[in-house]
Amino acid sequence: VLVKPRMRSFAYRALVSIPASYFA
């Protein structure tokens, strides 16, 4: 998704961005 970066919704950050950072 960061190939075309932009600020995402709260739902996306809660379900994807933050847990992805955690697991990485």
mmCIF file of all heavy atoms, coordinates in Angstrom:
data_MODEL
# 
_entry.id   MODEL 
# 
loop_
_atom_site.group_PDB 
_atom_site.id 
_atom_site.type_symbol 
_atom_site.label_atom_id 
_atom_site.label_alt_id 
_atom_site.label_comp_id 
_atom_site.label_asym_id 
_atom_site.label_entity_id 
_atom_site.label_seq_id 
_atom_site.pdbx_PDB_ins_code 
_atom_site.Cartn_x 
_atom_site.Cartn_y 
_atom_site.Cartn_z 
_atom_site.occupancy 
_atom_site.B_iso_or_equiv 
_atom_site.pdbx_formal_charge 
_atom_site.auth_seq_id 
_atom_site.auth_comp_id 
_atom_site.auth_asym_id 
_atom_site.auth_atom_id 
_atom_site.pdbx_PDB_model_num 
ATOM 1   N N   . VAL A 1 1  ? 0.832   -1.208  0.000  1.00 0.00 ? 1  VAL A N   1 
ATOM 2   C CA  . VAL A 1 1  ? 0.000   0.000   0.000  1.00 0.00 ? 1  VAL A CA  1 
ATOM 3   C C   . VAL A 1 1  ? 0.865   1.257   0.000  1.00 0.00 ? 1  VAL A C   1 
ATOM 4   O O   . VAL A 1 1  ? 0.506   2.280   -0.602 1.00 0.00 ? 1  VAL A O   1 
ATOM 5   C CB  . VAL A 1 1  ? -0.955  -0.033  1.216  1.00 0.00 ? 1  VAL A CB  1 
ATOM 6   C CG1 . VAL A 1 1  ? -1.583  1.331   1.453  1.00 0.00 ? 1  VAL A CG1 1 
ATOM 7   C CG2 . VAL A 1 1  ? -2.057  -1.076  1.002  1.00 0.00 ? 1  VAL A CG2 1 
ATOM 8   N N   . LEU A 1 2  ? 2.025   1.185   0.648  1.00 0.00 ? 2  LEU A N   1 
ATOM 9   C CA  . LEU A 1 2  ? 2.897   2.360   0.715  1.00 0.00 ? 2  LEU A CA  1 
ATOM 10  C C   . LEU A 1 2  ? 3.596   2.659   -0.603 1.00 0.00 ? 2  LEU A C   1 
ATOM 11  O O   . LEU A 1 2  ? 4.320   3.649   -0.710 1.00 0.00 ? 2  LEU A O   1 
ATOM 12  C CB  . LEU A 1 2  ? 3.935   2.166   1.825  1.00 0.00 ? 2  LEU A CB  1 
ATOM 13  C CG  . LEU A 1 2  ? 3.381   2.293   3.247  1.00 0.00 ? 2  LEU A CG  1 
ATOM 14  C CD1 . LEU A 1 2  ? 4.462   1.993   4.275  1.00 0.00 ? 2  LEU A CD1 1 
ATOM 15  C CD2 . LEU A 1 2  ? 2.801   3.682   3.479  1.00 0.00 ? 2  LEU A CD2 1 
ATOM 16  N N   . VAL A 1 3  ? 3.378   1.829   -1.607 1.00 0.00 ? 3  VAL A N   1 
ATOM 17  C CA  . VAL A 1 3  ? 3.839   2.187   -2.947 1.00 0.00 ? 3  VAL A CA  1 
ATOM 18  C C   . VAL A 1 3  ? 3.139   3.471   -3.393 1.00 0.00 ? 3  VAL A C   1 
ATOM 19  O O   . VAL A 1 3  ? 3.717   4.304   -4.091 1.00 0.00 ? 3  VAL A O   1 
ATOM 20  C CB  . VAL A 1 3  ? 3.561   1.027   -3.929 1.00 0.00 ? 3  VAL A CB  1 
ATOM 21  C CG1 . VAL A 1 3  ? 3.790   1.480   -5.370 1.00 0.00 ? 3  VAL A CG1 1 
ATOM 22  C CG2 . VAL A 1 3  ? 4.462   -0.169  -3.603 1.00 0.00 ? 3  VAL A CG2 1 
ATOM 23  N N   . LYS A 1 4  ? 1.894   3.641   -2.979 1.00 0.00 ? 4  LYS A N   1 
ATOM 24  C CA  . LYS A 1 4  ? 1.137   4.878   -3.209 1.00 0.00 ? 4  LYS A CA  1 
ATOM 25  C C   . LYS A 1 4  ? 0.694   5.417   -1.848 1.00 0.00 ? 4  LYS A C   1 
ATOM 26  O O   . LYS A 1 4  ? -0.446  5.249   -1.428 1.00 0.00 ? 4  LYS A O   1 
ATOM 27  C CB  . LYS A 1 4  ? -0.086  4.606   -4.099 1.00 0.00 ? 4  LYS A CB  1 
ATOM 28  C CG  . LYS A 1 4  ? 0.259   4.194   -5.513 1.00 0.00 ? 4  LYS A CG  1 
ATOM 29  C CD  . LYS A 1 4  ? 0.899   5.349   -6.297 1.00 0.00 ? 4  LYS A CD  1 
ATOM 30  C CE  . LYS A 1 4  ? 1.154   4.981   -7.747 1.00 0.00 ? 4  LYS A CE  1 
ATOM 31  N NZ  . LYS A 1 4  ? 1.809   6.089   -8.487 1.00 0.00 ? 4  LYS A NZ  1 
ATOM 32  N N   . PRO A 1 5  ? 1.603   6.070   -1.125 1.00 0.00 ? 5  PRO A N   1 
ATOM 33  C CA  . PRO A 1 5  ? 1.307   6.430   0.266  1.00 0.00 ? 5  PRO A CA  1 
ATOM 34  C C   . PRO A 1 5  ? 0.300   7.559   0.408  1.00 0.00 ? 5  PRO A C   1 
ATOM 35  O O   . PRO A 1 5  ? 0.290   8.510   -0.370 1.00 0.00 ? 5  PRO A O   1 
ATOM 36  C CB  . PRO A 1 5  ? 2.680   6.864   0.794  1.00 0.00 ? 5  PRO A CB  1 
ATOM 37  C CG  . PRO A 1 5  ? 3.411   7.346   -0.414 1.00 0.00 ? 5  PRO A CG  1 
ATOM 38  C CD  . PRO A 1 5  ? 2.946   6.476   -1.535 1.00 0.00 ? 5  PRO A CD  1 
ATOM 39  N N   . ARG A 1 6  ? -0.538  7.432   1.421  1.00 0.00 ? 6  ARG A N   1 
ATOM 40  C CA  . ARG A 1 6  ? -1.449  8.498   1.854  1.00 0.00 ? 6  ARG A CA  1 
ATOM 41  C C   . ARG A 1 6  ? -1.956  8.128   3.240  1.00 0.00 ? 6  ARG A C   1 
ATOM 42  O O   . ARG A 1 6  ? -1.867  6.974   3.652  1.00 0.00 ? 6  ARG A O   1 
ATOM 43  C CB  . ARG A 1 6  ? -2.616  8.680   0.886  1.00 0.00 ? 6  ARG A CB  1 
ATOM 44  C CG  . ARG A 1 6  ? -3.537  7.484   0.748  1.00 0.00 ? 6  ARG A CG  1 
ATOM 45  C CD  . ARG A 1 6  ? -4.671  7.786   -0.219 1.00 0.00 ? 6  ARG A CD  1 
ATOM 46  N NE  . ARG A 1 6  ? -5.542  6.636   -0.448 1.00 0.00 ? 6  ARG A NE  1 
ATOM 47  C CZ  . ARG A 1 6  ? -6.566  6.304   0.326  1.00 0.00 ? 6  ARG A CZ  1 
ATOM 48  N NH1 . ARG A 1 6  ? -6.855  7.028   1.398  1.00 0.00 ? 6  ARG A NH1 1 
ATOM 49  N NH2 . ARG A 1 6  ? -7.315  5.250   0.032  1.00 0.00 ? 6  ARG A NH2 1 
ATOM 50  N N   . MET A 1 7  ? -2.460  9.115   3.957  1.00 0.00 ? 7  MET A N   1 
ATOM 51  C CA  . MET A 1 7  ? -3.008  8.854   5.290  1.00 0.00 ? 7  MET A CA  1 
ATOM 52  C C   . MET A 1 7  ? -4.239  7.967   5.168  1.00 0.00 ? 7  MET A C   1 
ATOM 53  O O   . MET A 1 7  ? -5.101  8.193   4.301  1.00 0.00 ? 7  MET A O   1 
ATOM 54  C CB  . MET A 1 7  ? -3.359  10.157  5.987  1.00 0.00 ? 7  MET A CB  1 
ATOM 55  C CG  . MET A 1 7  ? -2.139  10.934  6.458  1.00 0.00 ? 7  MET A CG  1 
ATOM 56  S SD  . MET A 1 7  ? -1.261  10.169  7.853  1.00 0.00 ? 7  MET A SD  1 
ATOM 57  C CE  . MET A 1 7  ? -2.335  10.635  9.215  1.00 0.00 ? 7  MET A CE  1 
ATOM 58  N N   . ARG A 1 8  ? -4.324  6.977   6.037  1.00 0.00 ? 8  ARG A N   1 
ATOM 59  C CA  . ARG A 1 8  ? -5.413  6.004   5.991  1.00 0.00 ? 8  ARG A CA  1 
ATOM 60  C C   . ARG A 1 8  ? -6.395  6.226   7.131  1.00 0.00 ? 8  ARG A C   1 
ATOM 61  O O   . ARG A 1 8  ? -6.128  6.945   8.098  1.00 0.00 ? 8  ARG A O   1 
ATOM 62  C CB  . ARG A 1 8  ? -4.838  4.590   6.074  1.00 0.00 ? 8  ARG A CB  1 
ATOM 63  C CG  . ARG A 1 8  ? -3.832  4.281   4.975  1.00 0.00 ? 8  ARG A CG  1 
ATOM 64  C CD  . ARG A 1 8  ? -4.501  4.117   3.614  1.00 0.00 ? 8  ARG A CD  1 
ATOM 65  N NE  . ARG A 1 8  ? -3.532  4.078   2.531  1.00 0.00 ? 8  ARG A NE  1 
ATOM 66  C CZ  . ARG A 1 8  ? -3.848  3.815   1.271  1.00 0.00 ? 8  ARG A CZ  1 
ATOM 67  N NH1 . ARG A 1 8  ? -5.115  3.578   0.942  1.00 0.00 ? 8  ARG A NH1 1 
ATOM 68  N NH2 . ARG A 1 8  ? -2.912  3.808   0.338  1.00 0.00 ? 8  ARG A NH2 1 
ATOM 69  N N   . SER A 1 9  ? -7.526  5.555   7.030  1.00 0.00 ? 9  SER A N   1 
ATOM 70  C CA  . SER A 1 9  ? -8.588  5.684   8.024  1.00 0.00 ? 9  SER A CA  1 
ATOM 71  C C   . SER A 1 9  ? -8.184  5.036   9.344  1.00 0.00 ? 9  SER A C   1 
ATOM 72  O O   . SER A 1 9  ? -7.231  4.248   9.419  1.00 0.00 ? 9  SER A O   1 
ATOM 73  C CB  . SER A 1 9  ? -9.864  5.012   7.512  1.00 0.00 ? 9  SER A CB  1 
ATOM 74  O OG  . SER A 1 9  ? -9.666  3.611   7.409  1.00 0.00 ? 9  SER A OG  1 
ATOM 75  N N   . PHE A 1 10 ? -8.929  5.336   10.387 1.00 0.00 ? 10 PHE A N   1 
ATOM 76  C CA  . PHE A 1 10 ? -8.682  4.725   11.694 1.00 0.00 ? 10 PHE A CA  1 
ATOM 77  C C   . PHE A 1 10 ? -8.804  3.212   11.610 1.00 0.00 ? 10 PHE A C   1 
ATOM 78  O O   . PHE A 1 10 ? -7.988  2.485   12.191 1.00 0.00 ? 10 PHE A O   1 
ATOM 79  C CB  . PHE A 1 10 ? -9.678  5.271   12.720 1.00 0.00 ? 10 PHE A CB  1 
ATOM 80  C CG  . PHE A 1 10 ? -9.624  4.551   14.040 1.00 0.00 ? 10 PHE A CG  1 
ATOM 81  C CD1 . PHE A 1 10 ? -8.628  4.841   14.956 1.00 0.00 ? 10 PHE A CD1 1 
ATOM 82  C CD2 . PHE A 1 10 ? -10.561 3.564   14.356 1.00 0.00 ? 10 PHE A CD2 1 
ATOM 83  C CE1 . PHE A 1 10 ? -8.562  4.162   16.177 1.00 0.00 ? 10 PHE A CE1 1 
ATOM 84  C CE2 . PHE A 1 10 ? -10.499 2.884   15.561 1.00 0.00 ? 10 PHE A CE2 1 
ATOM 85  C CZ  . PHE A 1 10 ? -9.500  3.194   16.473 1.00 0.00 ? 10 PHE A CZ  1 
ATOM 86  N N   . ALA A 1 11 ? -9.795  2.724   10.878 1.00 0.00 ? 11 ALA A N   1 
ATOM 87  C CA  . ALA A 1 11 ? -9.998  1.275   10.770 1.00 0.00 ? 11 ALA A CA  1 
ATOM 88  C C   . ALA A 1 11 ? -8.792  0.604   10.116 1.00 0.00 ? 11 ALA A C   1 
ATOM 89  O O   . ALA A 1 11 ? -8.329  -0.445  10.580 1.00 0.00 ? 11 ALA A O   1 
ATOM 90  C CB  . ALA A 1 11 ? -11.265 0.984   9.965  1.00 0.00 ? 11 ALA A CB  1 
ATOM 91  N N   . TYR A 1 12 ? -8.264  1.198   9.053  1.00 0.00 ? 12 TYR A N   1 
ATOM 92  C CA  . TYR A 1 12 ? -7.101  0.616   8.384  1.00 0.00 ? 12 TYR A CA  1 
ATOM 93  C C   . TYR A 1 12 ? -5.898  0.619   9.316  1.00 0.00 ? 12 TYR A C   1 
ATOM 94  O O   . TYR A 1 12 ? -5.155  -0.378  9.402  1.00 0.00 ? 12 TYR A O   1 
ATOM 95  C CB  . TYR A 1 12 ? -6.781  1.386   7.106  1.00 0.00 ? 12 TYR A CB  1 
ATOM 96  C CG  . TYR A 1 12 ? -5.567  0.853   6.380  1.00 0.00 ? 12 TYR A CG  1 
ATOM 97  C CD1 . TYR A 1 12 ? -5.683  -0.190  5.472  1.00 0.00 ? 12 TYR A CD1 1 
ATOM 98  C CD2 . TYR A 1 12 ? -4.296  1.385   6.625  1.00 0.00 ? 12 TYR A CD2 1 
ATOM 99  C CE1 . TYR A 1 12 ? -4.569  -0.703  4.812  1.00 0.00 ? 12 TYR A CE1 1 
ATOM 100 C CE2 . TYR A 1 12 ? -3.179  0.876   5.979  1.00 0.00 ? 12 TYR A CE2 1 
ATOM 101 C CZ  . TYR A 1 12 ? -3.323  -0.162  5.075  1.00 0.00 ? 12 TYR A CZ  1 
ATOM 102 O OH  . TYR A 1 12 ? -2.214  -0.667  4.437  1.00 0.00 ? 12 TYR A OH  1 
ATOM 103 N N   . ARG A 1 13 ? -5.679  1.727   10.009 1.00 0.00 ? 13 ARG A N   1 
ATOM 104 C CA  . ARG A 1 13 ? -4.532  1.795   10.907 1.00 0.00 ? 13 ARG A CA  1 
ATOM 105 C C   . ARG A 1 13 ? -4.659  0.786   12.043 1.00 0.00 ? 13 ARG A C   1 
ATOM 106 O O   . ARG A 1 13 ? -3.675  0.167   12.454 1.00 0.00 ? 13 ARG A O   1 
ATOM 107 C CB  . ARG A 1 13 ? -4.387  3.220   11.460 1.00 0.00 ? 13 ARG A CB  1 
ATOM 108 C CG  . ARG A 1 13 ? -3.888  4.206   10.421 1.00 0.00 ? 13 ARG A CG  1 
ATOM 109 C CD  . ARG A 1 13 ? -3.617  5.596   10.968 1.00 0.00 ? 13 ARG A CD  1 
ATOM 110 N NE  . ARG A 1 13 ? -4.841  6.314   11.307 1.00 0.00 ? 13 ARG A NE  1 
ATOM 111 C CZ  . ARG A 1 13 ? -5.221  6.605   12.536 1.00 0.00 ? 13 ARG A CZ  1 
ATOM 112 N NH1 . ARG A 1 13 ? -4.472  6.241   13.563 1.00 0.00 ? 13 ARG A NH1 1 
ATOM 113 N NH2 . ARG A 1 13 ? -6.335  7.260   12.753 1.00 0.00 ? 13 ARG A NH2 1 
ATOM 114 N N   . ALA A 1 14 ? -5.905  0.603   12.542 1.00 0.00 ? 14 ALA A N   1 
ATOM 115 C CA  . ALA A 1 14 ? -6.111  -0.328  13.654 1.00 0.00 ? 14 ALA A CA  1 
ATOM 116 C C   . ALA A 1 14 ? -5.976  -1.785  13.230 1.00 0.00 ? 14 ALA A C   1 
ATOM 117 O O   . ALA A 1 14 ? -5.494  -2.626  14.005 1.00 0.00 ? 14 ALA A O   1 
ATOM 118 C CB  . ALA A 1 14 ? -7.487  -0.089  14.274 1.00 0.00 ? 14 ALA A CB  1 
ATOM 119 N N   . LEU A 1 15 ? -6.391  -2.084  12.003 1.00 0.00 ? 15 LEU A N   1 
ATOM 120 C CA  . LEU A 1 15 ? -6.394  -3.482  11.541 1.00 0.00 ? 15 LEU A CA  1 
ATOM 121 C C   . LEU A 1 15 ? -5.155  -3.862  10.738 1.00 0.00 ? 15 LEU A C   1 
ATOM 122 O O   . LEU A 1 15 ? -4.838  -5.049  10.624 1.00 0.00 ? 15 LEU A O   1 
ATOM 123 C CB  . LEU A 1 15 ? -7.650  -3.740  10.692 1.00 0.00 ? 15 LEU A CB  1 
ATOM 124 C CG  . LEU A 1 15 ? -8.988  -3.648  11.425 1.00 0.00 ? 15 LEU A CG  1 
ATOM 125 C CD1 . LEU A 1 15 ? -10.142 -3.787  10.444 1.00 0.00 ? 15 LEU A CD1 1 
ATOM 126 C CD2 . LEU A 1 15 ? -9.087  -4.708  12.520 1.00 0.00 ? 15 LEU A CD2 1 
ATOM 127 N N   . VAL A 1 16 ? -4.479  -2.863  10.179 1.00 0.00 ? 16 VAL A N   1 
ATOM 128 C CA  . VAL A 1 16 ? -3.338  -3.174  9.313  1.00 0.00 ? 16 VAL A CA  1 
ATOM 129 C C   . VAL A 1 16 ? -2.056  -2.480  9.779  1.00 0.00 ? 16 VAL A C   1 
ATOM 130 O O   . VAL A 1 16 ? -1.088  -3.142  10.156 1.00 0.00 ? 16 VAL A O   1 
ATOM 131 C CB  . VAL A 1 16 ? -3.640  -2.799  7.843  1.00 0.00 ? 16 VAL A CB  1 
ATOM 132 C CG1 . VAL A 1 16 ? -2.419  -3.070  6.957  1.00 0.00 ? 16 VAL A CG1 1 
ATOM 133 C CG2 . VAL A 1 16 ? -4.848  -3.582  7.334  1.00 0.00 ? 16 VAL A CG2 1 
ATOM 134 N N   . SER A 1 17 ? -2.031  -1.154  9.761  1.00 0.00 ? 17 SER A N   1 
ATOM 135 C CA  . SER A 1 17 ? -0.783  -0.421  9.995  1.00 0.00 ? 17 SER A CA  1 
ATOM 136 C C   . SER A 1 17 ? -0.135  -0.759  11.328 1.00 0.00 ? 17 SER A C   1 
ATOM 137 O O   . SER A 1 17 ? 1.054   -1.113  11.391 1.00 0.00 ? 17 SER A O   1 
ATOM 138 C CB  . SER A 1 17 ? -1.036  1.090   9.917  1.00 0.00 ? 17 SER A CB  1 
ATOM 139 O OG  . SER A 1 17 ? -1.492  1.469   8.651  1.00 0.00 ? 17 SER A OG  1 
ATOM 140 N N   . ILE A 1 18 ? -0.905  -0.652  12.405 1.00 0.00 ? 18 ILE A N   1 
ATOM 141 C CA  . ILE A 1 18 ? -0.331  -0.845  13.739 1.00 0.00 ? 18 ILE A CA  1 
ATOM 142 C C   . ILE A 1 18 ? 0.001   -2.307  14.012 1.00 0.00 ? 18 ILE A C   1 
ATOM 143 O O   . ILE A 1 18 ? 1.118   -2.609  14.455 1.00 0.00 ? 18 ILE A O   1 
ATOM 144 C CB  . ILE A 1 18 ? -1.253  -0.241  14.812 1.00 0.00 ? 18 ILE A CB  1 
ATOM 145 C CG1 . ILE A 1 18 ? -1.276  1.287   14.638 1.00 0.00 ? 18 ILE A CG1 1 
ATOM 146 C CG2 . ILE A 1 18 ? -0.800  -0.620  16.216 1.00 0.00 ? 18 ILE A CG2 1 
ATOM 147 C CD1 . ILE A 1 18 ? -2.248  2.006   15.536 1.00 0.00 ? 18 ILE A CD1 1 
ATOM 148 N N   . PRO A 1 19 ? -0.909  -3.270  13.745 1.00 0.00 ? 19 PRO A N   1 
ATOM 149 C CA  . PRO A 1 19 ? -0.508  -4.665  13.950 1.00 0.00 ? 19 PRO A CA  1 
ATOM 150 C C   . PRO A 1 19 ? 0.621   -5.113  13.019 1.00 0.00 ? 19 PRO A C   1 
ATOM 151 O O   . PRO A 1 19 ? 1.443   -5.954  13.398 1.00 0.00 ? 19 PRO A O   1 
ATOM 152 C CB  . PRO A 1 19 ? -1.794  -5.456  13.691 1.00 0.00 ? 19 PRO A CB  1 
ATOM 153 C CG  . PRO A 1 19 ? -2.730  -4.529  13.005 1.00 0.00 ? 19 PRO A CG  1 
ATOM 154 C CD  . PRO A 1 19 ? -2.350  -3.159  13.440 1.00 0.00 ? 19 PRO A CD  1 
ATOM 155 N N   . ALA A 1 20 ? 0.695   -4.561  11.811 1.00 0.00 ? 20 ALA A N   1 
ATOM 156 C CA  . ALA A 1 20 ? 1.816   -4.897  10.922 1.00 0.00 ? 20 ALA A CA  1 
ATOM 157 C C   . ALA A 1 20 ? 3.130   -4.399  11.509 1.00 0.00 ? 20 ALA A C   1 
ATOM 158 O O   . ALA A 1 20 ? 4.155   -5.102  11.460 1.00 0.00 ? 20 ALA A O   1 
ATOM 159 C CB  . ALA A 1 20 ? 1.592   -4.297  9.534  1.00 0.00 ? 20 ALA A CB  1 
ATOM 160 N N   . SER A 1 21 ? 3.125   -3.199  12.067 1.00 0.00 ? 21 SER A N   1 
ATOM 161 C CA  . SER A 1 21 ? 4.325   -2.677  12.717 1.00 0.00 ? 21 SER A CA  1 
ATOM 162 C C   . SER A 1 21 ? 4.715   -3.546  13.912 1.00 0.00 ? 21 SER A C   1 
ATOM 163 O O   . SER A 1 21 ? 5.900   -3.826  14.137 1.00 0.00 ? 21 SER A O   1 
ATOM 164 C CB  . SER A 1 21 ? 4.093   -1.234  13.174 1.00 0.00 ? 21 SER A CB  1 
ATOM 165 O OG  . SER A 1 21 ? 3.875   -0.378  12.071 1.00 0.00 ? 21 SER A OG  1 
ATOM 166 N N   . TYR A 1 22 ? 3.708   -3.969  14.672 1.00 0.00 ? 22 TYR A N   1 
ATOM 167 C CA  . TYR A 1 22 ? 3.960   -4.844  15.816 1.00 0.00 ? 22 TYR A CA  1 
ATOM 168 C C   . TYR A 1 22 ? 4.629   -6.144  15.387 1.00 0.00 ? 22 TYR A C   1 
ATOM 169 O O   . TYR A 1 22 ? 5.662   -6.541  15.945 1.00 0.00 ? 22 TYR A O   1 
ATOM 170 C CB  . TYR A 1 22 ? 2.639   -5.150  16.528 1.00 0.00 ? 22 TYR A CB  1 
ATOM 171 C CG  . TYR A 1 22 ? 2.686   -6.402  17.370 1.00 0.00 ? 22 TYR A CG  1 
ATOM 172 C CD1 . TYR A 1 22 ? 3.354   -6.407  18.593 1.00 0.00 ? 22 TYR A CD1 1 
ATOM 173 C CD2 . TYR A 1 22 ? 2.099   -7.588  16.922 1.00 0.00 ? 22 TYR A CD2 1 
ATOM 174 C CE1 . TYR A 1 22 ? 3.424   -7.566  19.360 1.00 0.00 ? 22 TYR A CE1 1 
ATOM 175 C CE2 . TYR A 1 22 ? 2.160   -8.740  17.683 1.00 0.00 ? 22 TYR A CE2 1 
ATOM 176 C CZ  . TYR A 1 22 ? 2.829   -8.724  18.902 1.00 0.00 ? 22 TYR A CZ  1 
ATOM 177 O OH  . TYR A 1 22 ? 2.904   -9.871  19.648 1.00 0.00 ? 22 TYR A OH  1 
ATOM 178 N N   . PHE A 1 23 ? 4.076   -6.787  14.370 1.00 0.00 ? 23 PHE A N   1 
ATOM 179 C CA  . PHE A 1 23 ? 4.601   -8.096  13.979 1.00 0.00 ? 23 PHE A CA  1 
ATOM 180 C C   . PHE A 1 23 ? 5.963   -7.955  13.296 1.00 0.00 ? 23 PHE A C   1 
ATOM 181 O O   . PHE A 1 23 ? 6.853   -8.803  13.494 1.00 0.00 ? 23 PHE A O   1 
ATOM 182 C CB  . PHE A 1 23 ? 3.617   -8.807  13.058 1.00 0.00 ? 23 PHE A CB  1 
ATOM 183 C CG  . PHE A 1 23 ? 3.896   -10.275 12.905 1.00 0.00 ? 23 PHE A CG  1 
ATOM 184 C CD1 . PHE A 1 23 ? 3.827   -11.124 13.994 1.00 0.00 ? 23 PHE A CD1 1 
ATOM 185 C CD2 . PHE A 1 23 ? 4.240   -10.808 11.672 1.00 0.00 ? 23 PHE A CD2 1 
ATOM 186 C CE1 . PHE A 1 23 ? 4.093   -12.487 13.868 1.00 0.00 ? 23 PHE A CE1 1 
ATOM 187 C CE2 . PHE A 1 23 ? 4.503   -12.161 11.521 1.00 0.00 ? 23 PHE A CE2 1 
ATOM 188 C CZ  . PHE A 1 23 ? 4.432   -13.004 12.621 1.00 0.00 ? 23 PHE A CZ  1 
ATOM 189 N N   . ALA A 1 24 ? 6.145   -6.888  12.511 1.00 0.00 ? 24 ALA A N   1 
ATOM 190 C CA  . ALA A 1 24 ? 7.444   -6.663  11.872 1.00 0.00 ? 24 ALA A CA  1 
ATOM 191 C C   . ALA A 1 24 ? 8.533   -6.440  12.917 1.00 0.00 ? 24 ALA A C   1 
ATOM 192 O O   . ALA A 1 24 ? 9.638   -6.987  12.815 1.00 0.00 ? 24 ALA A O   1 
ATOM 193 C CB  . ALA A 1 24 ? 7.366   -5.471  10.922 1.00 0.00 ? 24 ALA A CB  1 
# 
